[in-house]
Amino acid sequence: MIFPLFSLGEIFKNALLNTLLGMGTVFGVLVFISLIISLFAFIPKIQEAFQKKSEPAQEATPVESKPAVSNGPEQTEMDDLELVAVITAAIAASAGISEDDFIVRSIRRVRADRWTQRH
């Protein structure tokens, strides 16, 4: 194998060129990334243009909407039972006791002041 002998000046020159090449590459990539990010401002405008082009085609075929059928009181009662279950689980987890050790009889809204008055 042949090992070339470089002077100290040549070694520093090559090291400086390698450093400049590496830093230049990084700087170039950062400029490229910043240009791509600056183009993100134009994306909503392009999307609006595409939506405007597709809207006339959608207007030609109107869709008839049907009123939704609601279960009324049953849905509210289910929501209330679910709320009671969640509150019961939260109290049990907070107190570190079983959910079977107490019963939630009613749920009332309490003023926010009441929580801050406890010391």
PDB file of N, CA and C in Angstrom:
ATOM      1  N   MET A   1       0.828  -1.169   0.000  1.00  0.00           N
ATOM      2  CA  MET A   1       0.000   0.000   0.000  1.00  0.00           C
ATOM      3  C   MET A   1       0.875   1.237   0.000  1.00  0.00           C
ATOM      4  N   ILE A   2       0.378   2.234  -0.672  1.00  0.00           N
ATOM      5  CA  ILE A   2       1.128   3.487  -0.743  1.00  0.00           C
ATOM      6  C   ILE A   2       0.447   4.503   0.166  1.00  0.00           C
ATOM      7  N   PHE A   3       1.208   5.064   1.072  1.00  0.00           N
ATOM      8  CA  PHE A   3       0.698   6.092   1.961  1.00  0.00           C
ATOM      9  C   PHE A   3       1.296   7.424   1.537  1.00  0.00           C
ATOM     10  N   PRO A   4       0.460   8.310   0.997  1.00  0.00           N
ATOM     11  CA  PRO A   4       1.011   9.602   0.575  1.00  0.00           C
ATOM     12  C   PRO A   4       1.371  10.445   1.800  1.00  0.00           C
ATOM     13  N   LEU A   5       2.392  11.198   1.678  1.00  0.00           N
ATOM     14  CA  LEU A   5       2.811  12.087   2.757  1.00  0.00           C
ATOM     15  C   LEU A   5       2.350  13.498   2.428  1.00  0.00           C
ATOM     16  N   PHE A   6       1.544  14.065   3.314  1.00  0.00           N
ATOM     17  CA  PHE A   6       1.054  15.427   3.124  1.00  0.00           C
ATOM     18  C   PHE A   6       1.730  16.331   4.133  1.00  0.00           C
ATOM     19  N   SER A   7       1.948  17.532   3.711  1.00  0.00           N
ATOM     20  CA  SER A   7       2.504  18.507   4.647  1.00  0.00           C
ATOM     21  C   SER A   7       1.392  18.984   5.571  1.00  0.00           C
ATOM     22  N   LEU A   8       1.756  19.660   6.625  1.00  0.00           N
ATOM     23  CA  LEU A   8       0.778  20.158   7.593  1.00  0.00           C
ATOM     24  C   LEU A   8      -0.177  21.140   6.925  1.00  0.00           C
ATOM     25  N   GLY A   9       0.319  21.959   6.024  1.00  0.00           N
ATOM     26  CA  GLY A   9      -0.523  22.921   5.303  1.00  0.00           C
ATOM     27  C   GLY A   9      -1.548  22.229   4.429  1.00  0.00           C
ATOM     28  N   GLU A  10      -1.147  21.147   3.753  1.00  0.00           N
ATOM     29  CA  GLU A  10      -2.086  20.406   2.907  1.00  0.00           C
ATOM     30  C   GLU A  10      -3.158  19.713   3.748  1.00  0.00           C
ATOM     31  N   ILE A  11      -2.765  19.205   4.900  1.00  0.00           N
ATOM     32  CA  ILE A  11      -3.735  18.549   5.792  1.00  0.00           C
ATOM     33  C   ILE A  11      -4.778  19.559   6.265  1.00  0.00           C
ATOM     34  N   PHE A  12      -4.331  20.754   6.687  1.00  0.00           N
ATOM     35  CA  PHE A  12      -5.271  21.785   7.137  1.00  0.00           C
ATOM     36  C   PHE A  12      -6.141  22.272   5.984  1.00  0.00           C
ATOM     37  N   LYS A  13      -5.562  22.359   4.792  1.00  0.00           N
ATOM     38  CA  LYS A  13      -6.330  22.800   3.619  1.00  0.00           C
ATOM     39  C   LYS A  13      -7.443  21.800   3.313  1.00  0.00           C
ATOM     40  N   ASN A  14      -7.125  20.498   3.325  1.00  0.00           N
ATOM     41  CA  ASN A  14      -8.135  19.466   3.078  1.00  0.00           C
ATOM     42  C   ASN A  14      -9.188  19.444   4.190  1.00  0.00           C
ATOM     43  N   ALA A  15      -8.751  19.630   5.416  1.00  0.00           N
ATOM     44  CA  ALA A  15      -9.698  19.659   6.531  1.00  0.00           C
ATOM     45  C   ALA A  15     -10.641  20.842   6.399  1.00  0.00           C
ATOM     46  N   LEU A  16     -10.109  22.001   6.003  1.00  0.00           N
ATOM     47  CA  LEU A  16     -10.938  23.188   5.818  1.00  0.00           C
ATOM     48  C   LEU A  16     -11.927  22.991   4.674  1.00  0.00           C
ATOM     49  N   LEU A  17     -11.472  22.382   3.578  1.00  0.00           N
ATOM     50  CA  LEU A  17     -12.370  22.120   2.450  1.00  0.00           C
ATOM     51  C   LEU A  17     -13.475  21.141   2.843  1.00  0.00           C
ATOM     52  N   ASN A  18     -13.133  20.108   3.604  1.00  0.00           N
ATOM     53  CA  ASN A  18     -14.148  19.155   4.075  1.00  0.00           C
ATOM     54  C   ASN A  18     -15.164  19.845   4.983  1.00  0.00           C
ATOM     55  N   THR A  19     -14.681  20.700   5.868  1.00  0.00           N
ATOM     56  CA  THR A  19     -15.567  21.431   6.773  1.00  0.00           C
ATOM     57  C   THR A  19     -16.495  22.345   5.993  1.00  0.00           C
ATOM     58  N   LEU A  20     -15.939  23.096   5.038  1.00  0.00           N
ATOM     59  CA  LEU A  20     -16.765  24.009   4.240  1.00  0.00           C
ATOM     60  C   LEU A  20     -17.772  23.245   3.390  1.00  0.00           C
ATOM     61  N   LEU A  21     -17.368  22.124   2.835  1.00  0.00           N
ATOM     62  CA  LEU A  21     -18.283  21.317   2.036  1.00  0.00           C
ATOM     63  C   LEU A  21     -19.426  20.786   2.900  1.00  0.00           C
ATOM     64  N   GLY A  22     -19.120  20.291   4.084  1.00  0.00           N
ATOM     65  CA  GLY A  22     -20.159  19.788   4.984  1.00  0.00           C
ATOM     66  C   GLY A  22     -21.096  20.883   5.450  1.00  0.00           C
ATOM     67  N   MET A  23     -20.529  22.023   5.856  1.00  0.00           N
ATOM     68  CA  MET A  23     -21.372  23.134   6.320  1.00  0.00           C
ATOM     69  C   MET A  23     -22.194  23.700   5.174  1.00  0.00           C
ATOM     70  N   GLY A  24     -21.619  23.750   3.988  1.00  0.00           N
ATOM     71  CA  GLY A  24     -22.361  24.243   2.823  1.00  0.00           C
ATOM     72  C   GLY A  24     -23.523  23.338   2.477  1.00  0.00           C
ATOM     73  N   THR A  25     -23.305  22.030   2.573  1.00  0.00           N
ATOM     74  CA  THR A  25     -24.381  21.074   2.301  1.00  0.00           C
ATOM     75  C   THR A  25     -25.515  21.249   3.308  1.00  0.00           C
ATOM     76  N   VAL A  26     -25.175  21.349   4.574  1.00  0.00           N
ATOM     77  CA  VAL A  26     -26.197  21.532   5.619  1.00  0.00           C
ATOM     78  C   VAL A  26     -26.943  22.838   5.398  1.00  0.00           C
ATOM     79  N   PHE A  27     -26.227  23.911   5.110  1.00  0.00           N
ATOM     80  CA  PHE A  27     -26.860  25.207   4.883  1.00  0.00           C
ATOM     81  C   PHE A  27     -27.791  25.148   3.673  1.00  0.00           C
ATOM     82  N   GLY A  28     -27.353  24.492   2.606  1.00  0.00           N
ATOM     83  CA  GLY A  28     -28.191  24.355   1.416  1.00  0.00           C
ATOM     84  C   GLY A  28     -29.471  23.583   1.698  1.00  0.00           C
ATOM     85  N   VAL A  29     -29.358  22.504   2.458  1.00  0.00           N
ATOM     86  CA  VAL A  29     -30.542  21.714   2.801  1.00  0.00           C
ATOM     87  C   VAL A  29     -31.482  22.526   3.685  1.00  0.00           C
ATOM     88  N   LEU A  30     -30.945  23.303   4.618  1.00  0.00           N
ATOM     89  CA  LEU A  30     -31.796  24.141   5.473  1.00  0.00           C
ATOM     90  C   LEU A  30     -32.523  25.199   4.656  1.00  0.00           C
ATOM     91  N   VAL A  31     -31.856  25.791   3.679  1.00  0.00           N
ATOM     92  CA  VAL A  31     -32.510  26.770   2.805  1.00  0.00           C
ATOM     93  C   VAL A  31     -33.616  26.089   2.011  1.00  0.00           C
ATOM     94  N   PHE A  32     -33.353  24.893   1.513  1.00  0.00           N
ATOM     95  CA  PHE A  32     -34.355  24.141   0.759  1.00  0.00           C
ATOM     96  C   PHE A  32     -35.575  23.835   1.633  1.00  0.00           C
ATOM     97  N   ILE A  33     -35.350  23.407   2.867  1.00  0.00           N
ATOM     98  CA  ILE A  33     -36.457  23.119   3.787  1.00  0.00           C
ATOM     99  C   ILE A  33     -37.244  24.387   4.093  1.00  0.00           C
ATOM    100  N   SER A  34     -36.566  25.509   4.289  1.00  0.00           N
ATOM    101  CA  SER A  34     -37.281  26.759   4.578  1.00  0.00           C
ATOM    102  C   SER A  34     -38.106  27.204   3.377  1.00  0.00           C
ATOM    103  N   LEU A  35     -37.629  26.953   2.166  1.00  0.00           N
ATOM    104  CA  LEU A  35     -38.423  27.280   0.976  1.00  0.00           C
ATOM    105  C   LEU A  35     -39.676  26.413   0.904  1.00  0.00           C
ATOM    106  N   ILE A  36     -39.536  25.145   1.218  1.00  0.00           N
ATOM    107  CA  ILE A  36     -40.699  24.256   1.215  1.00  0.00           C
ATOM    108  C   ILE A  36     -41.710  24.707   2.264  1.00  0.00           C
ATOM    109  N   ILE A  37     -41.244  25.074   3.446  1.00  0.00           N
ATOM    110  CA  ILE A  37     -42.147  25.531   4.507  1.00  0.00           C
ATOM    111  C   ILE A  37     -42.830  26.830   4.104  1.00  0.00           C
ATOM    112  N   SER A  38     -42.121  27.718   3.424  1.00  0.00           N
ATOM    113  CA  SER A  38     -42.742  28.978   2.997  1.00  0.00           C
ATOM    114  C   SER A  38     -43.820  28.732   1.949  1.00  0.00           C
ATOM    115  N   LEU A  39     -43.735  27.634   1.214  1.00  0.00           N
ATOM    116  CA  LEU A  39     -44.764  27.308   0.223  1.00  0.00           C
ATOM    117  C   LEU A  39     -46.045  26.789   0.872  1.00  0.00           C
ATOM    118  N   PHE A  40     -45.988  26.410   2.152  1.00  0.00           N
ATOM    119  CA  PHE A  40     -47.181  25.939   2.849  1.00  0.00           C
ATOM    120  C   PHE A  40     -48.258  27.016   2.915  1.00  0.00           C
ATOM    121  N   ALA A  41     -47.899  28.272   2.804  1.00  0.00           N
ATOM    122  CA  ALA A  41     -48.881  29.358   2.849  1.00  0.00           C
ATOM    123  C   ALA A  41     -49.802  29.309   1.636  1.00  0.00           C
ATOM    124  N   PHE A  42     -49.352  28.715   0.546  1.00  0.00           N
ATOM    125  CA  PHE A  42     -50.149  28.677  -0.675  1.00  0.00           C
ATOM    126  C   PHE A  42     -51.067  27.461  -0.745  1.00  0.00           C
ATOM    127  N   ILE A  43     -50.909  26.503   0.136  1.00  0.00           N
ATOM    128  CA  ILE A  43     -51.713  25.283   0.093  1.00  0.00           C
ATOM    129  C   ILE A  43     -53.206  25.568   0.283  1.00  0.00           C
ATOM    130  N   PRO A  44     -53.640  26.386   1.269  1.00  0.00           N
ATOM    131  CA  PRO A  44     -55.081  26.655   1.399  1.00  0.00           C
ATOM    132  C   PRO A  44     -55.669  27.324   0.157  1.00  0.00           C
ATOM    133  N   LYS A  45     -54.913  28.202  -0.483  1.00  0.00           N
ATOM    134  CA  LYS A  45     -55.407  28.865  -1.690  1.00  0.00           C
ATOM    135  C   LYS A  45     -55.604  27.857  -2.811  1.00  0.00           C
ATOM    136  N   ILE A  46     -54.698  26.923  -2.938  1.00  0.00           N
ATOM    137  CA  ILE A  46     -54.812  25.897  -3.973  1.00  0.00           C
ATOM    138  C   ILE A  46     -55.999  24.982  -3.678  1.00  0.00           C
ATOM    139  N   GLN A  47     -56.203  24.636  -2.406  1.00  0.00           N
ATOM    140  CA  GLN A  47     -57.338  23.795  -2.037  1.00  0.00           C
ATOM    141  C   GLN A  47     -58.656  24.496  -2.338  1.00  0.00           C
ATOM    142  N   GLU A  48     -58.743  25.794  -2.059  1.00  0.00           N
ATOM    143  CA  GLU A  48     -59.960  26.546  -2.363  1.00  0.00           C
ATOM    144  C   GLU A  48     -60.227  26.554  -3.856  1.00  0.00           C
ATOM    145  N   ALA A  49     -59.185  26.693  -4.663  1.00  0.00           N
ATOM    146  CA  ALA A  49     -59.360  26.693  -6.113  1.00  0.00           C
ATOM    147  C   ALA A  49     -59.897  25.347  -6.588  1.00  0.00           C
ATOM    148  N   PHE A  50     -59.385  24.250  -6.042  1.00  0.00           N
ATOM    149  CA  PHE A  50     -59.879  22.931  -6.429  1.00  0.00           C
ATOM    150  C   PHE A  50     -61.316  22.721  -5.959  1.00  0.00           C
ATOM    151  N   GLN A  51     -61.666  23.243  -4.784  1.00  0.00           N
ATOM    152  CA  GLN A  51     -63.027  23.099  -4.284  1.00  0.00           C
ATOM    153  C   GLN A  51     -64.004  23.896  -5.129  1.00  0.00           C
ATOM    154  N   LYS A  52     -63.592  25.075  -5.574  1.00  0.00           N
ATOM    155  CA  LYS A  52     -64.468  25.886  -6.420  1.00  0.00           C
ATOM    156  C   LYS A  52     -64.724  25.194  -7.746  1.00  0.00           C
ATOM    157  N   LYS A  53     -63.722  24.486  -8.257  1.00  0.00           N
ATOM    158  CA  LYS A  53     -63.896  23.763  -9.514  1.00  0.00           C
ATOM    159  C   LYS A  53     -64.829  22.575  -9.334  1.00  0.00           C
ATOM    160  N   SER A  54     -64.796  21.922  -8.188  1.00  0.00           N
ATOM    161  CA  SER A  54     -65.613  20.736  -7.972  1.00  0.00           C
ATOM    162  C   SER A  54     -67.013  21.069  -7.465  1.00  0.00           C
ATOM    163  N   GLU A  55     -67.260  22.269  -6.958  1.00  0.00           N
ATOM    164  CA  GLU A  55     -68.582  22.634  -6.440  1.00  0.00           C
ATOM    165  C   GLU A  55     -69.667  22.650  -7.513  1.00  0.00           C
ATOM    166  N   PRO A  56     -69.460  23.198  -8.716  1.00  0.00           N
ATOM    167  CA  PRO A  56     -70.536  23.176  -9.712  1.00  0.00           C
ATOM    168  C   PRO A  56     -70.998  21.764 -10.048  1.00  0.00           C
ATOM    169  N   ALA A  57     -70.122  20.809 -10.061  1.00  0.00           N
ATOM    170  CA  ALA A  57     -70.512  19.436 -10.345  1.00  0.00           C
ATOM    171  C   ALA A  57     -71.363  18.880  -9.212  1.00  0.00           C
ATOM    172  N   GLN A  58     -71.103  19.278  -7.996  1.00  0.00           N
ATOM    173  CA  GLN A  58     -71.875  18.792  -6.867  1.00  0.00           C
ATOM    174  C   GLN A  58     -73.246  19.454  -6.805  1.00  0.00           C
ATOM    175  N   GLU A  59     -73.370  20.679  -7.272  1.00  0.00           N
ATOM    176  CA  GLU A  59     -74.653  21.371  -7.237  1.00  0.00           C
ATOM    177  C   GLU A  59     -75.647  20.750  -8.207  1.00  0.00           C
ATOM    178  N   ALA A  60     -75.191  20.092  -9.227  1.00  0.00           N
ATOM    179  CA  ALA A  60     -76.072  19.504 -10.221  1.00  0.00           C
ATOM    180  C   ALA A  60     -76.853  18.329  -9.649  1.00  0.00           C
ATOM    181  N   THR A  61     -76.355  17.680  -8.623  1.00  0.00           N
ATOM    182  CA  THR A  61     -77.037  16.540  -8.030  1.00  0.00           C
ATOM    183  C   THR A  61     -77.366  16.832  -6.571  1.00  0.00           C
ATOM    184  N   PRO A  62     -78.509  17.499  -6.296  1.00  0.00           N
ATOM    185  CA  PRO A  62     -78.868  17.784  -4.912  1.00  0.00           C
ATOM    186  C   PRO A  62     -79.270  16.491  -4.191  1.00  0.00           C
ATOM    187  N   VAL A  63     -78.934  16.426  -2.930  1.00  0.00           N
ATOM    188  CA  VAL A  63     -79.237  15.255  -2.121  1.00  0.00           C
ATOM    189  C   VAL A  63     -80.334  15.621  -1.140  1.00  0.00           C
ATOM    190  N   GLU A  64     -81.334  14.762  -1.056  1.00  0.00           N
ATOM    191  CA  GLU A  64     -82.456  15.010  -0.162  1.00  0.00           C
ATOM    192  C   GLU A  64     -82.083  14.548   1.238  1.00  0.00           C
ATOM    193  N   SER A  65     -82.253  15.423   2.210  1.00  0.00           N
ATOM    194  CA  SER A  65     -81.912  15.048   3.579  1.00  0.00           C
ATOM    195  C   SER A  65     -83.166  14.619   4.314  1.00  0.00           C
ATOM    196  N   LYS A  66     -83.040  13.542   5.070  1.00  0.00           N
ATOM    197  CA  LYS A  66     -84.167  13.020   5.836  1.00  0.00           C
ATOM    198  C   LYS A  66     -83.991  13.428   7.288  1.00  0.00           C
ATOM    199  N   PRO A  67     -85.066  13.787   7.978  1.00  0.00           N
ATOM    200  CA  PRO A  67     -84.939  14.156   9.388  1.00  0.00           C
ATOM    201  C   PRO A  67     -84.515  12.940  10.208  1.00  0.00           C
ATOM    202  N   ALA A  68     -83.661  13.186  11.153  1.00  0.00           N
ATOM    203  CA  ALA A  68     -83.160  12.109  12.001  1.00  0.00           C
ATOM    204  C   ALA A  68     -84.218  11.714  13.018  1.00  0.00           C
ATOM    205  N   VAL A  69     -84.323  10.432  13.273  1.00  0.00           N
ATOM    206  CA  VAL A  69     -85.272   9.921  14.247  1.00  0.00           C
ATOM    207  C   VAL A  69     -84.564   9.872  15.596  1.00  0.00           C
ATOM    208  N   SER A  70     -85.124  10.572  16.578  1.00  0.00           N
ATOM    209  CA  SER A  70     -84.505  10.575  17.901  1.00  0.00           C
ATOM    210  C   SER A  70     -85.365   9.779  18.862  1.00  0.00           C
ATOM    211  N   ASN A  71     -84.711   9.161  19.807  1.00  0.00           N
ATOM    212  CA  ASN A  71     -85.409   8.346  20.785  1.00  0.00           C
ATOM    213  C   ASN A  71     -85.897   9.154  21.971  1.00  0.00           C
ATOM    214  N   GLY A  72     -85.570  10.414  22.037  1.00  0.00           N
ATOM    215  CA  GLY A  72     -86.056  11.319  23.065  1.00  0.00           C
ATOM    216  C   GLY A  72     -85.619  10.938  24.461  1.00  0.00           C
ATOM    217  N   PRO A  73     -86.584  10.634  25.356  1.00  0.00           N
ATOM    218  CA  PRO A  73     -86.267  10.394  26.762  1.00  0.00           C
ATOM    219  C   PRO A  73     -85.333   9.205  26.984  1.00  0.00           C
ATOM    220  N   GLU A  74     -85.421   8.175  26.145  1.00  0.00           N
ATOM    221  CA  GLU A  74     -84.561   7.013  26.333  1.00  0.00           C
ATOM    222  C   GLU A  74     -83.093   7.393  26.191  1.00  0.00           C
ATOM    223  N   GLN A  75     -82.789   8.246  25.215  1.00  0.00           N
ATOM    224  CA  GLN A  75     -81.403   8.665  25.010  1.00  0.00           C
ATOM    225  C   GLN A  75     -80.915   9.474  26.209  1.00  0.00           C
ATOM    226  N   THR A  76     -81.756  10.372  26.738  1.00  0.00           N
ATOM    227  CA  THR A  76     -81.377  11.180  27.887  1.00  0.00           C
ATOM    228  C   THR A  76     -81.166  10.305  29.112  1.00  0.00           C
ATOM    229  N   GLU A  77     -82.050   9.335  29.307  1.00  0.00           N
ATOM    230  CA  GLU A  77     -81.918   8.447  30.455  1.00  0.00           C
ATOM    231  C   GLU A  77     -80.632   7.631  30.360  1.00  0.00           C
ATOM    232  N   MET A  78     -80.296   7.175  29.165  1.00  0.00           N
ATOM    233  CA  MET A  78     -79.065   6.414  28.979  1.00  0.00           C
ATOM    234  C   MET A  78     -77.856   7.295  29.262  1.00  0.00           C
ATOM    235  N   ASP A  79     -77.903   8.552  28.794  1.00  0.00           N
ATOM    236  CA  ASP A  79     -76.807   9.470  29.066  1.00  0.00           C
ATOM    237  C   ASP A  79     -76.659   9.704  30.566  1.00  0.00           C
ATOM    238  N   ASP A  80     -77.803   9.838  31.288  1.00  0.00           N
ATOM    239  CA  ASP A  80     -77.749  10.053  32.728  1.00  0.00           C
ATOM    240  C   ASP A  80     -77.148   8.845  33.444  1.00  0.00           C
ATOM    241  N   LEU A  81     -77.544   7.656  33.040  1.00  0.00           N
ATOM    242  CA  LEU A  81     -76.996   6.451  33.662  1.00  0.00           C
ATOM    243  C   LEU A  81     -75.501   6.328  33.388  1.00  0.00           C
ATOM    244  N   GLU A  82     -75.114   6.688  32.187  1.00  0.00           N
ATOM    245  CA  GLU A  82     -73.691   6.650  31.842  1.00  0.00           C
ATOM    246  C   GLU A  82     -72.921   7.675  32.664  1.00  0.00           C
ATOM    247  N   LEU A  83     -73.511   8.861  32.854  1.00  0.00           N
ATOM    248  CA  LEU A  83     -72.875   9.903  33.650  1.00  0.00           C
ATOM    249  C   LEU A  83     -72.720   9.452  35.099  1.00  0.00           C
ATOM    250  N   VAL A  84     -73.741   8.824  35.653  1.00  0.00           N
ATOM    251  CA  VAL A  84     -73.672   8.326  37.028  1.00  0.00           C
ATOM    252  C   VAL A  84     -72.579   7.268  37.146  1.00  0.00           C
ATOM    253  N   ALA A  85     -72.475   6.398  36.161  1.00  0.00           N
ATOM    254  CA  ALA A  85     -71.444   5.355  36.198  1.00  0.00           C
ATOM    255  C   ALA A  85     -70.049   5.960  36.154  1.00  0.00           C
ATOM    256  N   VAL A  86     -69.864   6.973  35.328  1.00  0.00           N
ATOM    257  CA  VAL A  86     -68.549   7.613  35.219  1.00  0.00           C
ATOM    258  C   VAL A  86     -68.195   8.333  36.512  1.00  0.00           C
ATOM    259  N   ILE A  87     -69.154   9.054  37.089  1.00  0.00           N
ATOM    260  CA  ILE A  87     -68.892   9.781  38.334  1.00  0.00           C
ATOM    261  C   ILE A  87     -68.623   8.801  39.472  1.00  0.00           C
ATOM    262  N   THR A  88     -69.375   7.708  39.531  1.00  0.00           N
ATOM    263  CA  THR A  88     -69.155   6.694  40.560  1.00  0.00           C
ATOM    264  C   THR A  88     -67.753   6.105  40.447  1.00  0.00           C
ATOM    265  N   ALA A  89     -67.338   5.803  39.230  1.00  0.00           N
ATOM    266  CA  ALA A  89     -65.997   5.240  39.030  1.00  0.00           C
ATOM    267  C   ALA A  89     -64.922   6.248  39.410  1.00  0.00           C
ATOM    268  N   ALA A  90     -65.145   7.522  39.107  1.00  0.00           N
ATOM    269  CA  ALA A  90     -64.157   8.552  39.441  1.00  0.00           C
ATOM    270  C   ALA A  90     -64.036   8.729  40.949  1.00  0.00           C
ATOM    271  N   ILE A  91     -65.171   8.734  41.654  1.00  0.00           N
ATOM    272  CA  ILE A  91     -65.137   8.881  43.114  1.00  0.00           C
ATOM    273  C   ILE A  91     -64.467   7.667  43.748  1.00  0.00           C
ATOM    274  N   ALA A  92     -64.791   6.483  43.252  1.00  0.00           N
ATOM    275  CA  ALA A  92     -64.194   5.266  43.804  1.00  0.00           C
ATOM    276  C   ALA A  92     -62.685   5.253  43.581  1.00  0.00           C
ATOM    277  N   ALA A  93     -62.251   5.669  42.408  1.00  0.00           N
ATOM    278  CA  ALA A  93     -60.811   5.695  42.125  1.00  0.00           C
ATOM    279  C   ALA A  93     -60.115   6.752  42.969  1.00  0.00           C
ATOM    280  N   SER A  94     -60.769   7.886  43.164  1.00  0.00           N
ATOM    281  CA  SER A  94     -60.180   8.970  43.945  1.00  0.00           C
ATOM    282  C   SER A  94     -60.074   8.600  45.419  1.00  0.00           C
ATOM    283  N   ALA A  95     -61.110   7.962  45.941  1.00  0.00           N
ATOM    284  CA  ALA A  95     -61.131   7.614  47.358  1.00  0.00           C
ATOM    285  C   ALA A  95     -60.407   6.304  47.634  1.00  0.00           C
ATOM    286  N   GLY A  96     -60.154   5.526  46.597  1.00  0.00           N
ATOM    287  CA  GLY A  96     -59.471   4.253  46.779  1.00  0.00           C
ATOM    288  C   GLY A  96     -60.352   3.187  47.392  1.00  0.00           C
ATOM    289  N   ILE A  97     -61.656   3.270  47.139  1.00  0.00           N
ATOM    290  CA  ILE A  97     -62.581   2.281  47.680  1.00  0.00           C
ATOM    291  C   ILE A  97     -63.317   1.610  46.530  1.00  0.00           C
ATOM    292  N   SER A  98     -64.061   0.566  46.859  1.00  0.00           N
ATOM    293  CA  SER A  98     -64.822  -0.156  45.853  1.00  0.00           C
ATOM    294  C   SER A  98     -66.075   0.628  45.483  1.00  0.00           C
ATOM    295  N   GLU A  99     -66.539   0.442  44.257  1.00  0.00           N
ATOM    296  CA  GLU A  99     -67.763   1.122  43.816  1.00  0.00           C
ATOM    297  C   GLU A  99     -68.994   0.584  44.536  1.00  0.00           C
ATOM    298  N   ASP A 100     -68.879  -0.594  45.134  1.00  0.00           N
ATOM    299  CA  ASP A 100     -70.013  -1.195  45.831  1.00  0.00           C
ATOM    300  C   ASP A 100     -70.217  -0.615  47.221  1.00  0.00           C
ATOM    301  N   ASP A 101     -69.243   0.160  47.727  1.00  0.00           N
ATOM    302  CA  ASP A 101     -69.322   0.685  49.088  1.00  0.00           C
ATOM    303  C   ASP A 101     -70.192   1.929  49.212  1.00  0.00           C
ATOM    304  N   PHE A 102     -70.617   2.526  48.122  1.00  0.00           N
ATOM    305  CA  PHE A 102     -71.472   3.714  48.199  1.00  0.00           C
ATOM    306  C   PHE A 102     -72.408   3.752  46.999  1.00  0.00           C
ATOM    307  N   ILE A 103     -73.443   4.596  47.125  1.00  0.00           N
ATOM    308  CA  ILE A 103     -74.453   4.734  46.072  1.00  0.00           C
ATOM    309  C   ILE A 103     -74.599   6.211  45.746  1.00  0.00           C
ATOM    310  N   VAL A 104     -74.606   6.539  44.471  1.00  0.00           N
ATOM    311  CA  VAL A 104     -74.837   7.919  44.039  1.00  0.00           C
ATOM    312  C   VAL A 104     -76.342   8.087  43.907  1.00  0.00           C
ATOM    313  N   ARG A 105     -76.924   8.952  44.771  1.00  0.00           N
ATOM    314  CA  ARG A 105     -78.365   9.153  44.759  1.00  0.00           C
ATOM    315  C   ARG A 105     -78.773  10.344  43.902  1.00  0.00           C
ATOM    316  N   SER A 106     -77.943  11.384  43.892  1.00  0.00           N
ATOM    317  CA  SER A 106     -78.269  12.554  43.075  1.00  0.00           C
ATOM    318  C   SER A 106     -76.974  13.253  42.683  1.00  0.00           C
ATOM    319  N   ILE A 107     -77.081  14.010  41.604  1.00  0.00           N
ATOM    320  CA  ILE A 107     -75.935  14.777  41.111  1.00  0.00           C
ATOM    321  C   ILE A 107     -76.383  16.222  40.998  1.00  0.00           C
ATOM    322  N   ARG A 108     -75.685  17.127  41.697  1.00  0.00           N
ATOM    323  CA  ARG A 108     -76.014  18.550  41.650  1.00  0.00           C
ATOM    324  C   ARG A 108     -74.800  19.328  41.197  1.00  0.00           C
ATOM    325  N   ARG A 109     -75.042  20.414  40.486  1.00  0.00           N
ATOM    326  CA  ARG A 109     -73.956  21.306  40.095  1.00  0.00           C
ATOM    327  C   ARG A 109     -73.603  22.170  41.297  1.00  0.00           C
ATOM    328  N   VAL A 110     -72.321  22.302  41.587  1.00  0.00           N
ATOM    329  CA  VAL A 110     -71.839  23.080  42.721  1.00  0.00           C
ATOM    330  C   VAL A 110     -71.068  24.267  42.183  1.00  0.00           C
ATOM    331  N   ARG A 111     -71.226  25.425  42.861  1.00  0.00           N
ATOM    332  CA  ARG A 111     -70.484  26.619  42.437  1.00  0.00           C
ATOM    333  C   ARG A 111     -68.993  26.350  42.488  1.00  0.00           C
ATOM    334  N   ALA A 112     -68.261  27.016  41.622  1.00  0.00           N
ATOM    335  CA  ALA A 112     -66.807  26.847  41.575  1.00  0.00           C
ATOM    336  C   ALA A 112     -66.154  27.400  42.836  1.00  0.00           C
ATOM    337  N   ASP A 113     -66.803  28.367  43.519  1.00  0.00           N
ATOM    338  CA  ASP A 113     -66.236  28.966  44.723  1.00  0.00           C
ATOM    339  C   ASP A 113     -66.062  27.922  45.824  1.00  0.00           C
ATOM    340  N   ARG A 114     -66.949  26.967  45.855  1.00  0.00           N
ATOM    341  CA  ARG A 114     -66.940  25.996  46.930  1.00  0.00           C
ATOM    342  C   ARG A 114     -65.651  25.173  46.936  1.00  0.00           C
ATOM    343  N   TRP A 115     -65.112  24.875  45.772  1.00  0.00           N
ATOM    344  CA  TRP A 115     -63.882  24.090  45.699  1.00  0.00           C
ATOM    345  C   TRP A 115     -62.690  24.895  46.195  1.00  0.00           C
ATOM    346  N   THR A 116     -62.695  26.182  45.922  1.00  0.00           N
ATOM    347  CA  THR A 116     -61.550  27.005  46.305  1.00  0.00           C
ATOM    348  C   THR A 116     -61.574  27.375  47.779  1.00  0.00           C
ATOM    349  N   GLN A 117     -62.720  27.249  48.464  1.00  0.00           N
ATOM    350  CA  GLN A 117     -62.813  27.622  49.868  1.00  0.00           C
ATOM    351  C   GLN A 117     -62.238  26.550  50.779  1.00  0.00           C
ATOM    352  N   ARG A 118     -62.095  25.346  50.293  1.00  0.00           N
ATOM    353  CA  ARG A 118     -61.540  24.276  51.133  1.00  0.00           C
ATOM    354  C   ARG A 118     -60.055  24.495  51.321  1.00  0.00           C
ATOM    355  N   HIS A 119     -59.594  24.217  52.527  1.00  0.00           N
ATOM    356  CA  HIS A 119     -58.167  24.402  52.825  1.00  0.00           C
ATOM    357  C   HIS A 119     -57.535  23.105  53.201  1.00  0.00           C
TER     358      HIS A 119
END
